[in-house]
C-alpha atoms as a PDB file:
ATOM      1  CA  MET A   1     -15.793 -23.557   2.011  1.00  0.00           C
ATOM      2  CA  ILE A   2     -12.736 -21.387   1.719  1.00  0.00           C
ATOM      3  CA  ARG A   3      -9.220 -21.974   3.122  1.00  0.00           C
ATOM      4  CA  LEU A   4      -8.011 -18.778   4.856  1.00  0.00           C
ATOM      5  CA  PHE A   5      -5.085 -17.339   6.770  1.00  0.00           C
ATOM      6  CA  ALA A   6      -3.996 -13.897   8.020  1.00  0.00           C
ATOM      7  CA  ALA A   7      -0.497 -12.794   7.054  1.00  0.00           C
ATOM      8  CA  ILE A   8       1.968  -9.997   6.493  1.00  0.00           C
ATOM      9  CA  GLU A   9       3.194  -9.735   2.924  1.00  0.00           C
ATOM     10  CA  VAL A  10       6.961  -9.687   2.446  1.00  0.00           C
ATOM     11  CA  PRO A  11       7.881  -6.520   0.486  1.00  0.00           C
ATOM     12  CA  GLU A  12       9.297  -7.069  -2.997  1.00  0.00           C
ATOM     13  CA  LEU A  13      12.773  -5.767  -2.118  1.00  0.00           C
ATOM     14  CA  ILE A  14      13.040  -8.159   0.843  1.00  0.00           C
ATOM     15  CA  GLY A  15      11.609 -10.949  -1.322  1.00  0.00           C
ATOM     16  CA  ARG A  16      14.373 -10.401  -3.877  1.00  0.00           C
ATOM     17  CA  ASP A  17      16.947 -10.749  -1.084  1.00  0.00           C
ATOM     18  CA  LEU A  18      15.257 -13.989   0.013  1.00  0.00           C
ATOM     19  CA  ALA A  19      15.274 -15.262  -3.586  1.00  0.00           C
ATOM     20  CA  ARG A  20      19.084 -15.244  -3.449  1.00  0.00           C
ATOM     21  CA  LEU A  21      18.836 -17.964  -0.792  1.00  0.00           C
ATOM     22  CA  GLN A  22      16.545 -20.126  -2.921  1.00  0.00           C
ATOM     23  CA  THR A  23      19.128 -22.398  -4.464  1.00  0.00           C
ATOM     24  CA  GLY A  24      21.237 -25.426  -3.676  1.00  0.00           C
ATOM     25  CA  LEU A  25      18.656 -27.913  -2.408  1.00  0.00           C
ATOM     26  CA  PRO A  26      17.670 -30.797  -4.671  1.00  0.00           C
ATOM     27  CA  ARG A  27      13.950 -31.542  -4.887  1.00  0.00           C
ATOM     28  CA  ALA A  28      13.024 -28.219  -3.262  1.00  0.00           C
ATOM     29  CA  ARG A  29       9.872 -26.473  -4.466  1.00  0.00           C
ATOM     30  CA  TRP A  30      10.953 -22.847  -4.007  1.00  0.00           C
ATOM     31  CA  ARG A  31       8.121 -20.422  -3.241  1.00  0.00           C
ATOM     32  CA  PRO A  32       7.650 -17.530  -5.694  1.00  0.00           C
ATOM     33  CA  LEU A  33       7.958 -13.930  -4.536  1.00  0.00           C
ATOM     34  CA  GLU A  34       4.176 -13.438  -4.438  1.00  0.00           C
ATOM     35  CA  ALA A  35       3.839 -16.356  -1.990  1.00  0.00           C
ATOM     36  CA  LEU A  36       6.332 -15.066   0.593  1.00  0.00           C
ATOM     37  CA  HIS A  37       4.629 -13.977   3.801  1.00  0.00           C
ATOM     38  CA  ILE A  38       4.674 -14.164   7.589  1.00  0.00           C
ATOM     39  CA  THR A  39       1.579 -16.020   8.748  1.00  0.00           C
ATOM     40  CA  LEU A  40      -0.224 -14.445  11.696  1.00  0.00           C
ATOM     41  CA  ARG A  41      -2.916 -17.133  12.019  1.00  0.00           C
ATOM     42  CA  PHE A  42      -3.962 -20.050   9.815  1.00  0.00           C
ATOM     43  CA  PHE A  43      -7.750 -20.436   9.975  1.00  0.00           C
ATOM     44  CA  GLY A  44      -8.227 -23.459   7.716  1.00  0.00           C
ATOM     45  CA  GLU A  45     -11.360 -24.348   5.753  1.00  0.00           C
ATOM     46  CA  ILE A  46     -14.348 -22.272   6.832  1.00  0.00           C
ATOM     47  CA  ASP A  47     -17.742 -21.538   5.318  1.00  0.00           C
ATOM     48  CA  GLU A  48     -18.580 -18.212   3.651  1.00  0.00           C
ATOM     49  CA  ARG A  49     -20.725 -16.936   6.525  1.00  0.00           C
ATOM     50  CA  ARG A  50     -17.975 -17.609   9.046  1.00  0.00           C
ATOM     51  CA  ALA A  51     -15.479 -15.979   6.656  1.00  0.00           C
ATOM     52  CA  ASP A  52     -17.618 -12.809   6.688  1.00  0.00           C
ATOM     53  CA  ASP A  53     -17.671 -12.871  10.502  1.00  0.00           C
ATOM     54  CA  LEU A  54     -13.897 -13.343  10.544  1.00  0.00           C
ATOM     55  CA  ASP A  55     -13.414 -10.424   8.149  1.00  0.00           C
ATOM     56  CA  ALA A  56     -15.496  -8.178  10.411  1.00  0.00           C
ATOM     57  CA  GLU A  57     -13.483  -9.214  13.474  1.00  0.00           C
ATOM     58  CA  LEU A  58     -10.116  -8.771  11.752  1.00  0.00           C
ATOM     59  CA  ALA A  59     -11.197  -5.277  10.660  1.00  0.00           C
ATOM     60  CA  ARG A  60     -11.418  -4.388  14.366  1.00  0.00           C
ATOM     61  CA  VAL A  61      -7.789  -5.400  15.074  1.00  0.00           C
ATOM     62  CA  THR A  62      -5.587  -2.467  16.049  1.00  0.00           C
ATOM     63  CA  SER A  63      -1.830  -2.203  16.377  1.00  0.00           C
ATOM     64  CA  PRO A  64       0.824   0.442  15.942  1.00  0.00           C
ATOM     65  CA  ALA A  65       2.969   0.026  12.833  1.00  0.00           C
ATOM     66  CA  PHE A  66       6.269  -1.717  13.566  1.00  0.00           C
ATOM     67  CA  ASP A  67       9.438  -3.007  11.934  1.00  0.00           C
ATOM     68  CA  VAL A  68      10.276  -6.659  11.289  1.00  0.00           C
ATOM     69  CA  VAL A  69      13.712  -8.161  10.678  1.00  0.00           C
ATOM     70  CA  LEU A  70      14.205 -11.518   8.945  1.00  0.00           C
ATOM     71  CA  LYS A  71      17.164 -13.293  10.497  1.00  0.00           C
ATOM     72  CA  GLY A  72      18.557 -16.786  10.122  1.00  0.00           C
ATOM     73  CA  VAL A  73      17.098 -19.870   8.476  1.00  0.00           C
ATOM     74  CA  GLY A  74      15.847 -23.256   9.609  1.00  0.00           C
ATOM     75  CA  GLU A  75      13.716 -26.242   8.727  1.00  0.00           C
ATOM     76  CA  PHE A  76      10.531 -27.958   9.760  1.00  0.00           C
ATOM     77  CA  GLY A  77      10.133 -31.690   9.691  1.00  0.00           C
ATOM     78  CA  GLU A  78       9.818 -34.836  11.712  1.00  0.00           C
ATOM     79  CA  GLY A  79      12.406 -37.491  12.297  1.00  0.00           C
ATOM     80  CA  HIS A  80      15.107 -37.490   9.672  1.00  0.00           C
ATOM     81  CA  MET A  81      13.053 -35.767   6.972  1.00  0.00           C
ATOM     82  CA  SER A  82      12.720 -32.029   6.442  1.00  0.00           C
ATOM     83  CA  ASP A  83       9.411 -30.789   5.034  1.00  0.00           C
ATOM     84  CA  ALA A  84      10.284 -27.121   4.532  1.00  0.00           C
ATOM     85  CA  VAL A  85      13.040 -24.542   4.876  1.00  0.00           C
ATOM     86  CA  TRP A  86      12.318 -21.053   6.125  1.00  0.00           C
ATOM     87  CA  ALA A  87      13.749 -17.642   6.958  1.00  0.00           C
ATOM     88  CA  GLY A  88      13.353 -16.730  10.605  1.00  0.00           C
ATOM     89  CA  VAL A  89      11.870 -13.612  12.144  1.00  0.00           C
ATOM     90  CA  GLU A  90      13.826 -11.806  14.846  1.00  0.00           C
ATOM     91  CA  ALA A  91      11.974 -11.767  18.183  1.00  0.00           C
ATOM     92  CA  ASN A  92       9.348  -9.027  18.013  1.00  0.00           C
ATOM     93  CA  GLU A  93       6.793  -8.340  20.734  1.00  0.00           C
ATOM     94  CA  ARG A  94       4.555  -6.216  18.468  1.00  0.00           C
ATOM     95  CA  LEU A  95       4.390  -9.017  15.910  1.00  0.00           C
ATOM     96  CA  ASN A  96       3.443 -11.473  18.649  1.00  0.00           C
ATOM     97  CA  VAL A  97       0.724  -9.104  19.895  1.00  0.00           C
ATOM     98  CA  LEU A  98      -0.681  -8.706  16.367  1.00  0.00           C
ATOM     99  CA  ALA A  99      -0.754 -12.487  15.937  1.00  0.00           C
ATOM    100  CA  GLY A 100      -2.513 -12.767  19.301  1.00  0.00           C
ATOM    101  CA  ARG A 101      -5.107 -10.231  18.208  1.00  0.00           C
ATOM    102  CA  CYS A 102      -5.742 -12.244  15.035  1.00  0.00           C
ATOM    103  CA  GLU A 103      -6.203 -15.315  17.245  1.00  0.00           C
ATOM    104  CA  ALA A 104      -8.693 -13.392  19.412  1.00  0.00           C
ATOM    105  CA  ALA A 105     -10.544 -12.237  16.274  1.00  0.00           C
ATOM    106  CA  ALA A 106     -10.805 -15.862  15.128  1.00  0.00           C
ATOM    107  CA  ARG A 107     -12.290 -16.896  18.459  1.00  0.00           C
ATOM    108  CA  ARG A 108     -14.805 -14.013  18.392  1.00  0.00           C
ATOM    109  CA  ALA A 109     -15.809 -15.199  14.906  1.00  0.00           C
ATOM    110  CA  GLY A 110     -16.534 -18.635  16.369  1.00  0.00           C
ATOM    111  CA  LEU A 111     -13.429 -20.512  15.234  1.00  0.00           C
ATOM    112  CA  GLU A 112     -11.674 -23.051  17.418  1.00  0.00           C
ATOM    113  CA  PRO A 113      -8.481 -21.867  19.158  1.00  0.00           C
ATOM    114  CA  SER A 114      -5.238 -22.600  17.386  1.00  0.00           C
ATOM    115  CA  THR A 115      -3.383 -25.580  18.816  1.00  0.00           C
ATOM    116  CA  ARG A 116       0.020 -24.525  17.464  1.00  0.00           C
ATOM    117  CA  ALA A 117       2.556 -22.305  19.203  1.00  0.00           C
ATOM    118  CA  TYR A 118       3.204 -19.151  17.182  1.00  0.00           C
ATOM    119  CA  ARG A 119       6.567 -19.396  15.377  1.00  0.00           C
ATOM    120  CA  PRO A 120       6.844 -16.565  12.856  1.00  0.00           C
ATOM    121  CA  HIS A 121       8.813 -17.395   9.713  1.00  0.00           C
ATOM    122  CA  VAL A 122       8.758 -17.071   5.918  1.00  0.00           C
ATOM    123  CA  THR A 123       8.542 -20.422   4.136  1.00  0.00           C
ATOM    124  CA  LEU A 124      11.107 -20.439   1.337  1.00  0.00           C
ATOM    125  CA  ALA A 125      10.608 -23.978  -0.012  1.00  0.00           C
ATOM    126  CA  TYR A 126       8.738 -27.201   0.517  1.00  0.00           C
ATOM    127  CA  LEU A 127      10.966 -30.251   0.346  1.00  0.00           C
ATOM    128  CA  ARG A 128      10.334 -33.679  -1.110  1.00  0.00           C
ATOM    129  CA  GLY A 129      13.083 -36.005  -0.059  1.00  0.00           C
ATOM    130  CA  SER A 130      15.919 -33.490  -0.081  1.00  0.00           C
ATOM    131  CA  PRO A 131      18.988 -35.214   1.376  1.00  0.00           C
ATOM    132  CA  THR A 132      19.389 -34.440   5.095  1.00  0.00           C
ATOM    133  CA  ASP A 133      23.064 -33.513   4.701  1.00  0.00           C
ATOM    134  CA  ARG A 134      22.228 -31.027   1.942  1.00  0.00           C
ATOM    135  CA  VAL A 135      19.512 -29.400   4.096  1.00  0.00           C
ATOM    136  CA  ALA A 136      21.959 -29.146   7.013  1.00  0.00           C
ATOM    137  CA  GLY A 137      24.591 -27.641   4.713  1.00  0.00           C
ATOM    138  CA  TRP A 138      22.100 -25.117   3.310  1.00  0.00           C
ATOM    139  CA  ILE A 139      21.182 -24.064   6.862  1.00  0.00           C
ATOM    140  CA  ARG A 140      24.859 -23.678   7.846  1.00  0.00           C
ATOM    141  CA  THR A 141      25.530 -21.600   4.746  1.00  0.00           C
ATOM    142  CA  HIS A 142      22.627 -19.176   5.273  1.00  0.00           C
ATOM    143  CA  ASN A 143      22.000 -19.189   9.016  1.00  0.00           C
ATOM    144  CA  LEU A 144      23.839 -15.916   9.725  1.00  0.00           C
ATOM    145  CA  LYS A 145      21.879 -14.014   7.074  1.00  0.00           C
ATOM    146  CA  THR A 146      20.077 -10.919   8.404  1.00  0.00           C
ATOM    147  CA  LEU A 147      17.994  -8.739   6.097  1.00  0.00           C
ATOM    148  CA  GLU A 148      17.170  -5.045   6.359  1.00  0.00           C
ATOM    149  CA  PRO A 149      14.167  -4.207   8.563  1.00  0.00           C
ATOM    150  CA  PHE A 150      10.853  -3.572   6.845  1.00  0.00           C
ATOM    151  CA  ARG A 151       7.857  -1.628   8.118  1.00  0.00           C
ATOM    152  CA  VAL A 152       4.573  -3.419   8.787  1.00  0.00           C
ATOM    153  CA  SER A 153       1.594  -1.095   8.402  1.00  0.00           C
ATOM    154  CA  ARG A 154      -0.950  -3.622   7.131  1.00  0.00           C
ATOM    155  CA  PHE A 155      -1.842  -7.275   7.110  1.00  0.00           C
ATOM    156  CA  GLY A 156      -4.157  -9.301   4.936  1.00  0.00           C
ATOM    157  CA  LEU A 157      -6.710 -12.070   4.882  1.00  0.00           C
ATOM    158  CA  TYR A 158      -5.633 -14.542   2.206  1.00  0.00           C
ATOM    159  CA  SER A 159      -7.310 -17.493   0.584  1.00  0.00           C
ATOM    160  CA  SER A 160      -5.230 -20.533  -0.275  1.00  0.00           C
ATOM    161  CA  ARG A 161      -5.902 -22.930  -3.099  1.00  0.00           C
ATOM    162  CA  LEU A 162      -3.985 -26.175  -3.244  1.00  0.00           C
ATOM    163  CA  GLY A 163      -2.710 -27.176  -6.642  1.00  0.00           C
ATOM    164  CA  GLN A 164      -0.259 -29.533  -8.278  1.00  0.00           C
ATOM    165  CA  GLY A 165       2.551 -26.957  -8.196  1.00  0.00           C
ATOM    166  CA  GLY A 166       1.819 -25.947  -4.593  1.00  0.00           C
ATOM    167  CA  SER A 167      -0.540 -23.480  -2.987  1.00  0.00           C
ATOM    168  CA  THR A 168      -1.551 -20.221  -4.619  1.00  0.00           C
ATOM    169  CA  TYR A 169      -2.633 -17.319  -2.456  1.00  0.00           C
ATOM    170  CA  THR A 170      -5.107 -14.528  -3.115  1.00  0.00           C
ATOM    171  CA  LEU A 171      -5.410 -11.404  -1.001  1.00  0.00           C
ATOM    172  CA  GLU A 172      -9.097 -11.242  -0.081  1.00  0.00           C
ATOM    173  CA  ARG A 173      -9.037  -8.282   2.346  1.00  0.00           C
ATOM    174  CA  GLU A 174      -6.420  -5.879   3.640  1.00  0.00           C
ATOM    175  CA  TYR A 175      -6.366  -4.243   7.077  1.00  0.00           C
ATOM    176  CA  LEU A 176      -4.363  -1.111   7.852  1.00  0.00           C
ATOM    177  CA  ILE A 177      -2.627  -0.712  11.197  1.00  0.00           C
ATOM    178  CA  GLY A 178      -0.556   2.085  12.658  1.00  0.00           C
END
């Protein structure tokens, strides 16, 4: 079994800009530059044969190249606890279409449909008990941040391995678009 997801890698220059936001929250596990990405579809744990089928279906995905803008920040969580902080993605129809095509590829490969609404973002940190007022303050401080657009001409199939320091990601396959 292998844990997989499709994603767009955040370019190094944009990642360095995001790194400037990665401060000021106690008990935050900030994500390293190589882990910054925009998930298109999380597939979960699948067997090797199904992974090969998924790879073949993702290779058929087409899309014109397009630009993405990271804008604003926010948090995920339930109740009074935040689990993660993220950088937002400005509304982008081409990104939504690409994510939809990755979803269709997953279904053709025999995977169950995703049950989550697509909300593109870049996870900046996972939180473990960060004080709610500090998270709110961090969001207020950075919420107006808008980064330079970057061109998307490829996406990847990544494996994810859970470890004590968080997940590590490996690019398994890359698919060109445009």
